[in-house]
Amino acid sequence: MGTVVLSGAVVLVVLGFGNPLYWLAAAGVLFLYVRYGLGSSAPSAPSAGSTGPAPSAAPAPTTYKAYRDRRDKQAKWERRYRRERPMESRRQERERGK
């Protein structure tokens, strides 16, 4: 990931000789990478011998309150989905029942 960001910054700097706005874009990309992307590099996939649970999209909550908030937010989105797409949600329920 770092290689892609640094390569993109170099390309923006080279393009910046024609338009200095690209230099600002390169500085912004590097700032965002250092601020948010540098320390959050996680392993891309578990090893083949790993018997642990599959990685999820969101990290596991550390407290019960965080778990409850996440669960309530998910339920709210599911209710909204069923309300806005009744035909699709019925089809999914039928498929789940088979």
PDB file of N, CA and C in Angstrom:
ATOM      1  N   MET A   1       0.832  -1.192   0.000  1.00  0.00           N
ATOM      2  CA  MET A   1       0.000   0.000   0.000  1.00  0.00           C
ATOM      3  C   MET A   1       0.872   1.250   0.000  1.00  0.00           C
ATOM      4  N   GLY A   2       1.934   1.228   0.805  1.00  0.00           N
ATOM      5  CA  GLY A   2       2.809   2.385   0.870  1.00  0.00           C
ATOM      6  C   GLY A   2       3.486   2.672  -0.452  1.00  0.00           C
ATOM      7  N   THR A   3       3.833   1.635  -1.172  1.00  0.00           N
ATOM      8  CA  THR A   3       4.486   1.808  -2.464  1.00  0.00           C
ATOM      9  C   THR A   3       3.555   2.496  -3.449  1.00  0.00           C
ATOM     10  N   VAL A   4       2.294   2.132  -3.415  1.00  0.00           N
ATOM     11  CA  VAL A   4       1.317   2.747  -4.328  1.00  0.00           C
ATOM     12  C   VAL A   4       1.157   4.223  -3.999  1.00  0.00           C
ATOM     13  N   VAL A   5       1.066   4.547  -2.723  1.00  0.00           N
ATOM     14  CA  VAL A   5       0.890   5.942  -2.315  1.00  0.00           C
ATOM     15  C   VAL A   5       2.116   6.767  -2.693  1.00  0.00           C
ATOM     16  N   LEU A   6       3.307   6.225  -2.409  1.00  0.00           N
ATOM     17  CA  LEU A   6       4.517   6.966  -2.742  1.00  0.00           C
ATOM     18  C   LEU A   6       4.686   7.122  -4.253  1.00  0.00           C
ATOM     19  N   SER A   7       4.352   6.097  -5.008  1.00  0.00           N
ATOM     20  CA  SER A   7       4.420   6.199  -6.472  1.00  0.00           C
ATOM     21  C   SER A   7       3.447   7.252  -6.982  1.00  0.00           C
ATOM     22  N   GLY A   8       2.263   7.255  -6.429  1.00  0.00           N
ATOM     23  CA  GLY A   8       1.270   8.266  -6.821  1.00  0.00           C
ATOM     24  C   GLY A   8       1.739   9.668  -6.487  1.00  0.00           C
ATOM     25  N   ALA A   9       2.387   9.836  -5.334  1.00  0.00           N
ATOM     26  CA  ALA A   9       2.903  11.154  -4.964  1.00  0.00           C
ATOM     27  C   ALA A   9       3.995  11.597  -5.920  1.00  0.00           C
ATOM     28  N   VAL A  10       4.871  10.675  -6.306  1.00  0.00           N
ATOM     29  CA  VAL A  10       5.943  11.015  -7.254  1.00  0.00           C
ATOM     30  C   VAL A  10       5.345  11.433  -8.596  1.00  0.00           C
ATOM     31  N   VAL A  11       4.340  10.718  -9.046  1.00  0.00           N
ATOM     32  CA  VAL A  11       3.686  11.069 -10.311  1.00  0.00           C
ATOM     33  C   VAL A  11       3.061  12.461 -10.212  1.00  0.00           C
ATOM     34  N   LEU A  12       2.412  12.750  -9.073  1.00  0.00           N
ATOM     35  CA  LEU A  12       1.810  14.077  -8.907  1.00  0.00           C
ATOM     36  C   LEU A  12       2.866  15.173  -8.867  1.00  0.00           C
ATOM     37  N   VAL A  13       4.017  14.890  -8.268  1.00  0.00           N
ATOM     38  CA  VAL A  13       5.092  15.886  -8.241  1.00  0.00           C
ATOM     39  C   VAL A  13       5.610  16.135  -9.649  1.00  0.00           C
ATOM     40  N   VAL A  14       5.803  15.074 -10.424  1.00  0.00           N
ATOM     41  CA  VAL A  14       6.287  15.234 -11.805  1.00  0.00           C
ATOM     42  C   VAL A  14       5.271  16.018 -12.627  1.00  0.00           C
ATOM     43  N   LEU A  15       3.985  15.700 -12.451  1.00  0.00           N
ATOM     44  CA  LEU A  15       2.957  16.450 -13.174  1.00  0.00           C
ATOM     45  C   LEU A  15       2.867  17.889 -12.682  1.00  0.00           C
ATOM     46  N   GLY A  16       3.332  18.123 -11.468  1.00  0.00           N
ATOM     47  CA  GLY A  16       3.269  19.456 -10.883  1.00  0.00           C
ATOM     48  C   GLY A  16       4.145  20.481 -11.573  1.00  0.00           C
ATOM     49  N   PHE A  17       5.112  20.048 -12.370  1.00  0.00           N
ATOM     50  CA  PHE A  17       5.927  21.016 -13.106  1.00  0.00           C
ATOM     51  C   PHE A  17       5.085  21.745 -14.148  1.00  0.00           C
ATOM     52  N   GLY A  18       4.015  21.130 -14.595  1.00  0.00           N
ATOM     53  CA  GLY A  18       3.122  21.798 -15.542  1.00  0.00           C
ATOM     54  C   GLY A  18       1.989  22.531 -14.842  1.00  0.00           C
ATOM     55  N   ASN A  19       1.580  22.032 -13.686  1.00  0.00           N
ATOM     56  CA  ASN A  19       0.477  22.637 -12.952  1.00  0.00           C
ATOM     57  C   ASN A  19       0.760  22.479 -11.455  1.00  0.00           C
ATOM     58  N   PRO A  20       1.102  23.555 -10.770  1.00  0.00           N
ATOM     59  CA  PRO A  20       1.483  23.467  -9.350  1.00  0.00           C
ATOM     60  C   PRO A  20       0.370  22.931  -8.443  1.00  0.00           C
ATOM     61  N   LEU A  21      -0.830  22.863  -8.937  1.00  0.00           N
ATOM     62  CA  LEU A  21      -1.927  22.315  -8.136  1.00  0.00           C
ATOM     63  C   LEU A  21      -1.680  20.841  -7.815  1.00  0.00           C
ATOM     64  N   TYR A  22      -0.969  20.154  -8.713  1.00  0.00           N
ATOM     65  CA  TYR A  22      -0.641  18.750  -8.467  1.00  0.00           C
ATOM     66  C   TYR A  22       0.314  18.596  -7.284  1.00  0.00           C
ATOM     67  N   TRP A  23       1.159  19.610  -7.048  1.00  0.00           N
ATOM     68  CA  TRP A  23       2.041  19.560  -5.884  1.00  0.00           C
ATOM     69  C   TRP A  23       1.229  19.591  -4.604  1.00  0.00           C
ATOM     70  N   LEU A  24       0.191  20.395  -4.597  1.00  0.00           N
ATOM     71  CA  LEU A  24      -0.688  20.428  -3.427  1.00  0.00           C
ATOM     72  C   LEU A  24      -1.390  19.089  -3.234  1.00  0.00           C
ATOM     73  N   ALA A  25      -1.789  18.484  -4.339  1.00  0.00           N
ATOM     74  CA  ALA A  25      -2.434  17.175  -4.251  1.00  0.00           C
ATOM     75  C   ALA A  25      -1.457  16.132  -3.705  1.00  0.00           C
ATOM     76  N   ALA A  26      -0.202  16.190  -4.158  1.00  0.00           N
ATOM     77  CA  ALA A  26       0.801  15.244  -3.673  1.00  0.00           C
ATOM     78  C   ALA A  26       1.040  15.446  -2.183  1.00  0.00           C
ATOM     79  N   ALA A  27       1.113  16.684  -1.749  1.00  0.00           N
ATOM     80  CA  ALA A  27       1.303  16.965  -0.324  1.00  0.00           C
ATOM     81  C   ALA A  27       0.109  16.460   0.477  1.00  0.00           C
ATOM     82  N   GLY A  28      -1.088  16.641  -0.059  1.00  0.00           N
ATOM     83  CA  GLY A  28      -2.286  16.146   0.621  1.00  0.00           C
ATOM     84  C   GLY A  28      -2.309  14.632   0.725  1.00  0.00           C
ATOM     85  N   VAL A  29      -1.916  13.959  -0.345  1.00  0.00           N
ATOM     86  CA  VAL A  29      -1.882  12.493  -0.330  1.00  0.00           C
ATOM     87  C   VAL A  29      -0.878  11.991   0.699  1.00  0.00           C
ATOM     88  N   LEU A  30       0.301  12.595   0.718  1.00  0.00           N
ATOM     89  CA  LEU A  30       1.322  12.183   1.685  1.00  0.00           C
ATOM     90  C   LEU A  30       0.895  12.477   3.117  1.00  0.00           C
ATOM     91  N   PHE A  31       0.254  13.634   3.322  1.00  0.00           N
ATOM     92  CA  PHE A  31      -0.230  13.968   4.664  1.00  0.00           C
ATOM     93  C   PHE A  31      -1.264  12.948   5.133  1.00  0.00           C
ATOM     94  N   LEU A  32      -2.229  12.645   4.282  1.00  0.00           N
ATOM     95  CA  LEU A  32      -3.264  11.681   4.664  1.00  0.00           C
ATOM     96  C   LEU A  32      -2.682  10.301   4.901  1.00  0.00           C
ATOM     97  N   TYR A  33      -1.689   9.914   4.111  1.00  0.00           N
ATOM     98  CA  TYR A  33      -1.068   8.611   4.301  1.00  0.00           C
ATOM     99  C   TYR A  33      -0.333   8.545   5.634  1.00  0.00           C
ATOM    100  N   VAL A  34       0.422   9.600   5.945  1.00  0.00           N
ATOM    101  CA  VAL A  34       1.159   9.609   7.207  1.00  0.00           C
ATOM    102  C   VAL A  34       0.188   9.691   8.382  1.00  0.00           C
ATOM    103  N   ARG A  35      -0.857  10.473   8.233  1.00  0.00           N
ATOM    104  CA  ARG A  35      -1.801  10.686   9.337  1.00  0.00           C
ATOM    105  C   ARG A  35      -2.663   9.454   9.599  1.00  0.00           C
ATOM    106  N   TYR A  36      -3.204   8.829   8.572  1.00  0.00           N
ATOM    107  CA  TYR A  36      -4.181   7.754   8.748  1.00  0.00           C
ATOM    108  C   TYR A  36      -3.716   6.382   8.263  1.00  0.00           C
ATOM    109  N   GLY A  37      -2.843   6.309   7.301  1.00  0.00           N
ATOM    110  CA  GLY A  37      -2.547   5.030   6.682  1.00  0.00           C
ATOM    111  C   GLY A  37      -1.294   4.341   7.151  1.00  0.00           C
ATOM    112  N   LEU A  38      -0.367   5.069   7.712  1.00  0.00           N
ATOM    113  CA  LEU A  38       0.920   4.493   8.037  1.00  0.00           C
ATOM    114  C   LEU A  38       0.846   3.464   9.145  1.00  0.00           C
ATOM    115  N   GLY A  39       0.175   3.780  10.251  1.00  0.00           N
ATOM    116  CA  GLY A  39       0.135   2.883  11.400  1.00  0.00           C
ATOM    117  C   GLY A  39      -0.954   1.836  11.332  1.00  0.00           C
ATOM    118  N   SER A  40      -1.881   1.963  10.416  1.00  0.00           N
ATOM    119  CA  SER A  40      -3.022   1.042  10.389  1.00  0.00           C
ATOM    120  C   SER A  40      -2.842  -0.093   9.409  1.00  0.00           C
ATOM    121  N   SER A  41      -1.608  -0.402   9.038  1.00  0.00           N
ATOM    122  CA  SER A  41      -1.407  -1.501   8.102  1.00  0.00           C
ATOM    123  C   SER A  41      -1.578  -2.812   8.847  1.00  0.00           C
ATOM    124  N   ALA A  42      -2.578  -3.570   8.469  1.00  0.00           N
ATOM    125  CA  ALA A  42      -2.876  -4.856   9.093  1.00  0.00           C
ATOM    126  C   ALA A  42      -2.498  -5.954   8.121  1.00  0.00           C
ATOM    127  N   PRO A  43      -2.284  -7.165   8.604  1.00  0.00           N
ATOM    128  CA  PRO A  43      -1.994  -8.257   7.676  1.00  0.00           C
ATOM    129  C   PRO A  43      -3.155  -8.457   6.719  1.00  0.00           C
ATOM    130  N   SER A  44      -2.826  -8.718   5.451  1.00  0.00           N
ATOM    131  CA  SER A  44      -3.869  -8.794   4.431  1.00  0.00           C
ATOM    132  C   SER A  44      -4.710 -10.051   4.548  1.00  0.00           C
ATOM    133  N   ALA A  45      -4.114 -11.163   4.913  1.00  0.00           N
ATOM    134  CA  ALA A  45      -4.876 -12.402   5.029  1.00  0.00           C
ATOM    135  C   ALA A  45      -4.205 -13.305   6.060  1.00  0.00           C
ATOM    136  N   PRO A  46      -4.991 -14.083   6.782  1.00  0.00           N
ATOM    137  CA  PRO A  46      -4.375 -14.995   7.733  1.00  0.00           C
ATOM    138  C   PRO A  46      -3.654 -16.128   7.012  1.00  0.00           C
ATOM    139  N   SER A  47      -2.730 -16.772   7.698  1.00  0.00           N
ATOM    140  CA  SER A  47      -1.998 -17.864   7.066  1.00  0.00           C
ATOM    141  C   SER A  47      -2.918 -19.054   6.843  1.00  0.00           C
ATOM    142  N   ALA A  48      -2.504 -19.957   5.984  1.00  0.00           N
ATOM    143  CA  ALA A  48      -3.342 -21.094   5.617  1.00  0.00           C
ATOM    144  C   ALA A  48      -3.609 -22.004   6.812  1.00  0.00           C
ATOM    145  N   GLY A  49      -2.663 -22.092   7.757  1.00  0.00           N
ATOM    146  CA  GLY A  49      -2.829 -22.964   8.908  1.00  0.00           C
ATOM    147  C   GLY A  49      -3.626 -22.329  10.034  1.00  0.00           C
ATOM    148  N   SER A  50      -4.082 -21.108   9.845  1.00  0.00           N
ATOM    149  CA  SER A  50      -4.807 -20.417  10.902  1.00  0.00           C
ATOM    150  C   SER A  50      -6.181 -21.047  11.115  1.00  0.00           C
ATOM    151  N   THR A  51      -6.518 -21.308  12.373  1.00  0.00           N
ATOM    152  CA  THR A  51      -7.813 -21.906  12.667  1.00  0.00           C
ATOM    153  C   THR A  51      -8.720 -20.913  13.360  1.00  0.00           C
ATOM    154  N   GLY A  52      -8.296 -19.642  13.467  1.00  0.00           N
ATOM    155  CA  GLY A  52      -9.096 -18.616  14.137  1.00  0.00           C
ATOM    156  C   GLY A  52     -10.291 -18.218  13.278  1.00  0.00           C
ATOM    157  N   PRO A  53     -11.119 -17.350  13.812  1.00  0.00           N
ATOM    158  CA  PRO A  53     -12.286 -16.899  13.064  1.00  0.00           C
ATOM    159  C   PRO A  53     -11.885 -16.046  11.866  1.00  0.00           C
ATOM    160  N   ALA A  54     -12.754 -15.985  10.890  1.00  0.00           N
ATOM    161  CA  ALA A  54     -12.484 -15.195   9.698  1.00  0.00           C
ATOM    162  C   ALA A  54     -12.486 -13.715  10.069  1.00  0.00           C
ATOM    163  N   PRO A  55     -11.651 -12.914   9.410  1.00  0.00           N
ATOM    164  CA  PRO A  55     -11.622 -11.494   9.731  1.00  0.00           C
ATOM    165  C   PRO A  55     -12.931 -10.825   9.308  1.00  0.00           C
ATOM    166  N   SER A  56     -13.413  -9.923  10.121  1.00  0.00           N
ATOM    167  CA  SER A  56     -14.661  -9.230   9.813  1.00  0.00           C
ATOM    168  C   SER A  56     -14.351  -7.839   9.290  1.00  0.00           C
ATOM    169  N   ALA A  57     -15.387  -7.161   8.801  1.00  0.00           N
ATOM    170  CA  ALA A  57     -15.197  -5.834   8.245  1.00  0.00           C
ATOM    171  C   ALA A  57     -14.866  -4.821   9.336  1.00  0.00           C
ATOM    172  N   ALA A  58     -15.469  -4.960  10.499  1.00  0.00           N
ATOM    173  CA  ALA A  58     -15.234  -4.027  11.590  1.00  0.00           C
ATOM    174  C   ALA A  58     -14.558  -4.758  12.743  1.00  0.00           C
ATOM    175  N   PRO A  59     -13.742  -4.058  13.489  1.00  0.00           N
ATOM    176  CA  PRO A  59     -13.104  -4.719  14.633  1.00  0.00           C
ATOM    177  C   PRO A  59     -14.124  -5.059  15.705  1.00  0.00           C
ATOM    178  N   ALA A  60     -13.815  -6.064  16.482  1.00  0.00           N
ATOM    179  CA  ALA A  60     -14.732  -6.481  17.538  1.00  0.00           C
ATOM    180  C   ALA A  60     -14.801  -5.394  18.608  1.00  0.00           C
ATOM    181  N   PRO A  61     -15.984  -5.125  19.127  1.00  0.00           N
ATOM    182  CA  PRO A  61     -16.115  -4.088  20.160  1.00  0.00           C
ATOM    183  C   PRO A  61     -15.392  -4.517  21.438  1.00  0.00           C
ATOM    184  N   THR A  62     -14.828  -3.545  22.113  1.00  0.00           N
ATOM    185  CA  THR A  62     -14.059  -3.853  23.314  1.00  0.00           C
ATOM    186  C   THR A  62     -14.913  -3.809  24.571  1.00  0.00           C
ATOM    187  N   THR A  63     -16.039  -3.129  24.529  1.00  0.00           N
ATOM    188  CA  THR A  63     -16.915  -3.067  25.698  1.00  0.00           C
ATOM    189  C   THR A  63     -18.312  -3.509  25.299  1.00  0.00           C
ATOM    190  N   TYR A  64     -19.106  -3.827  26.314  1.00  0.00           N
ATOM    191  CA  TYR A  64     -20.472  -4.230  26.033  1.00  0.00           C
ATOM    192  C   TYR A  64     -21.270  -3.067  25.449  1.00  0.00           C
ATOM    193  N   LYS A  65     -20.997  -1.855  25.921  1.00  0.00           N
ATOM    194  CA  LYS A  65     -21.712  -0.682  25.404  1.00  0.00           C
ATOM    195  C   LYS A  65     -21.407  -0.488  23.922  1.00  0.00           C
ATOM    196  N   ALA A  66     -20.147  -0.662  23.522  1.00  0.00           N
ATOM    197  CA  ALA A  66     -19.792  -0.534  22.106  1.00  0.00           C
ATOM    198  C   ALA A  66     -20.473  -1.621  21.283  1.00  0.00           C
ATOM    199  N   TYR A  67     -20.514  -2.838  21.833  1.00  0.00           N
ATOM    200  CA  TYR A  67     -21.198  -3.936  21.146  1.00  0.00           C
ATOM    201  C   TYR A  67     -22.676  -3.613  20.971  1.00  0.00           C
ATOM    202  N   ARG A  68     -23.305  -3.132  22.051  1.00  0.00           N
ATOM    203  CA  ARG A  68     -24.737  -2.827  22.004  1.00  0.00           C
ATOM    204  C   ARG A  68     -25.016  -1.708  21.007  1.00  0.00           C
ATOM    205  N   ASP A  69     -24.170  -0.670  20.987  1.00  0.00           N
ATOM    206  CA  ASP A  69     -24.359   0.426  20.040  1.00  0.00           C
ATOM    207  C   ASP A  69     -24.241  -0.066  18.599  1.00  0.00           C
ATOM    208  N   ARG A  70     -23.239  -0.922  18.348  1.00  0.00           N
ATOM    209  CA  ARG A  70     -23.061  -1.456  16.991  1.00  0.00           C
ATOM    210  C   ARG A  70     -24.230  -2.348  16.586  1.00  0.00           C
ATOM    211  N   ARG A  71     -24.700  -3.169  17.528  1.00  0.00           N
ATOM    212  CA  ARG A  71     -25.826  -4.049  17.254  1.00  0.00           C
ATOM    213  C   ARG A  71     -27.097  -3.241  16.963  1.00  0.00           C
ATOM    214  N   ASP A  72     -27.326  -2.183  17.747  1.00  0.00           N
ATOM    215  CA  ASP A  72     -28.512  -1.354  17.535  1.00  0.00           C
ATOM    216  C   ASP A  72     -28.447  -0.612  16.206  1.00  0.00           C
ATOM    217  N   LYS A  73     -27.259  -0.144  15.845  1.00  0.00           N
ATOM    218  CA  LYS A  73     -27.100   0.547  14.565  1.00  0.00           C
ATOM    219  C   LYS A  73     -27.358  -0.409  13.401  1.00  0.00           C
ATOM    220  N   GLN A  74     -26.857  -1.647  13.521  1.00  0.00           N
ATOM    221  CA  GLN A  74     -27.088  -2.647  12.478  1.00  0.00           C
ATOM    222  C   GLN A  74     -28.573  -2.964  12.355  1.00  0.00           C
ATOM    223  N   ALA A  75     -29.265  -3.104  13.477  1.00  0.00           N
ATOM    224  CA  ALA A  75     -30.704  -3.389  13.449  1.00  0.00           C
ATOM    225  C   ALA A  75     -31.463  -2.239  12.807  1.00  0.00           C
ATOM    226  N   LYS A  76     -31.046  -1.010  13.096  1.00  0.00           N
ATOM    227  CA  LYS A  76     -31.698   0.151  12.496  1.00  0.00           C
ATOM    228  C   LYS A  76     -31.547   0.134  10.982  1.00  0.00           C
ATOM    229  N   TRP A  77     -30.338  -0.198  10.487  1.00  0.00           N
ATOM    230  CA  TRP A  77     -30.126  -0.258   9.045  1.00  0.00           C
ATOM    231  C   TRP A  77     -30.920  -1.387   8.412  1.00  0.00           C
ATOM    232  N   GLU A  78     -31.024  -2.525   9.095  1.00  0.00           N
ATOM    233  CA  GLU A  78     -31.802  -3.630   8.550  1.00  0.00           C
ATOM    234  C   GLU A  78     -33.279  -3.280   8.466  1.00  0.00           C
ATOM    235  N   ARG A  79     -33.808  -2.614   9.485  1.00  0.00           N
ATOM    236  CA  ARG A  79     -35.218  -2.182   9.431  1.00  0.00           C
ATOM    237  C   ARG A  79     -35.443  -1.210   8.291  1.00  0.00           C
ATOM    238  N   ARG A  80     -34.500  -0.274   8.096  1.00  0.00           N
ATOM    239  CA  ARG A  80     -34.626   0.690   7.007  1.00  0.00           C
ATOM    240  C   ARG A  80     -34.596  -0.005   5.655  1.00  0.00           C
ATOM    241  N   TYR A  81     -33.700  -0.994   5.515  1.00  0.00           N
ATOM    242  CA  TYR A  81     -33.610  -1.738   4.257  1.00  0.00           C
ATOM    243  C   TYR A  81     -34.920  -2.455   3.971  1.00  0.00           C
ATOM    244  N   ARG A  82     -35.480  -3.121   4.996  1.00  0.00           N
ATOM    245  CA  ARG A  82     -36.752  -3.833   4.782  1.00  0.00           C
ATOM    246  C   ARG A  82     -37.882  -2.875   4.447  1.00  0.00           C
ATOM    247  N   ARG A  83     -37.867  -1.683   5.042  1.00  0.00           N
ATOM    248  CA  ARG A  83     -38.921  -0.704   4.780  1.00  0.00           C
ATOM    249  C   ARG A  83     -38.798  -0.147   3.364  1.00  0.00           C
ATOM    250  N   GLU A  84     -37.580   0.128   2.908  1.00  0.00           N
ATOM    251  CA  GLU A  84     -37.395   0.744   1.601  1.00  0.00           C
ATOM    252  C   GLU A  84     -37.416  -0.257   0.452  1.00  0.00           C
ATOM    253  N   ARG A  85     -37.133  -1.534   0.732  1.00  0.00           N
ATOM    254  CA  ARG A  85     -37.096  -2.561  -0.316  1.00  0.00           C
ATOM    255  C   ARG A  85     -37.886  -3.789   0.134  1.00  0.00           C
ATOM    256  N   PRO A  86     -39.208  -3.674   0.202  1.00  0.00           N
ATOM    257  CA  PRO A  86     -39.994  -4.792   0.730  1.00  0.00           C
ATOM    258  C   PRO A  86     -39.929  -6.047  -0.136  1.00  0.00           C
ATOM    259  N   MET A  87     -39.924  -5.895  -1.455  1.00  0.00           N
ATOM    260  CA  MET A  87     -39.896  -7.070  -2.325  1.00  0.00           C
ATOM    261  C   MET A  87     -38.578  -7.824  -2.175  1.00  0.00           C
ATOM    262  N   GLU A  88     -37.474  -7.082  -2.151  1.00  0.00           N
ATOM    263  CA  GLU A  88     -36.168  -7.714  -2.020  1.00  0.00           C
ATOM    264  C   GLU A  88     -36.029  -8.404  -0.667  1.00  0.00           C
ATOM    265  N   SER A  89     -36.499  -7.765   0.384  1.00  0.00           N
ATOM    266  CA  SER A  89     -36.364  -8.385   1.704  1.00  0.00           C
ATOM    267  C   SER A  89     -37.236  -9.647   1.806  1.00  0.00           C
ATOM    268  N   ARG A  90     -38.407  -9.651   1.170  1.00  0.00           N
ATOM    269  CA  ARG A  90     -39.245 -10.868   1.177  1.00  0.00           C
ATOM    270  C   ARG A  90     -38.559 -12.000   0.423  1.00  0.00           C
ATOM    271  N   ARG A  91     -37.937 -11.653  -0.709  1.00  0.00           N
ATOM    272  CA  ARG A  91     -37.227 -12.670  -1.487  1.00  0.00           C
ATOM    273  C   ARG A  91     -36.082 -13.262  -0.669  1.00  0.00           C
ATOM    274  N   GLN A  92     -35.356 -12.412   0.035  1.00  0.00           N
ATOM    275  CA  GLN A  92     -34.256 -12.899   0.858  1.00  0.00           C
ATOM    276  C   GLN A  92     -34.764 -13.790   1.989  1.00  0.00           C
ATOM    277  N   GLU A  93     -35.889 -13.435   2.574  1.00  0.00           N
ATOM    278  CA  GLU A  93     -36.461 -14.272   3.641  1.00  0.00           C
ATOM    279  C   GLU A  93     -36.868 -15.643   3.101  1.00  0.00           C
ATOM    280  N   ARG A  94     -37.454 -15.672   1.880  1.00  0.00           N
ATOM    281  CA  ARG A  94     -37.842 -16.935   1.269  1.00  0.00           C
ATOM    282  C   ARG A  94     -36.616 -17.806   1.024  1.00  0.00           C
ATOM    283  N   GLU A  95     -35.553 -17.198   0.500  1.00  0.00           N
ATOM    284  CA  GLU A  95     -34.321 -17.963   0.230  1.00  0.00           C
ATOM    285  C   GLU A  95     -33.687 -18.454   1.530  1.00  0.00           C
ATOM    286  N   ARG A  96     -33.771 -17.669   2.573  1.00  0.00           N
ATOM    287  CA  ARG A  96     -33.197 -18.064   3.846  1.00  0.00           C
ATOM    288  C   ARG A  96     -33.973 -19.238   4.466  1.00  0.00           C
ATOM    289  N   GLY A  97     -35.252 -19.320   4.168  1.00  0.00           N
ATOM    290  CA  GLY A  97     -36.087 -20.383   4.725  1.00  0.00           C
ATOM    291  C   GLY A  97     -35.902 -21.730   4.066  1.00  0.00           C
ATOM    292  N   LYS A  98     -35.319 -21.782   2.886  1.00  0.00           N
ATOM    293  CA  LYS A  98     -35.142 -23.052   2.161  1.00  0.00           C
ATOM    294  C   LYS A  98     -34.098 -23.908   2.781  1.00  0.00           C
TER     295      LYS A  98
END
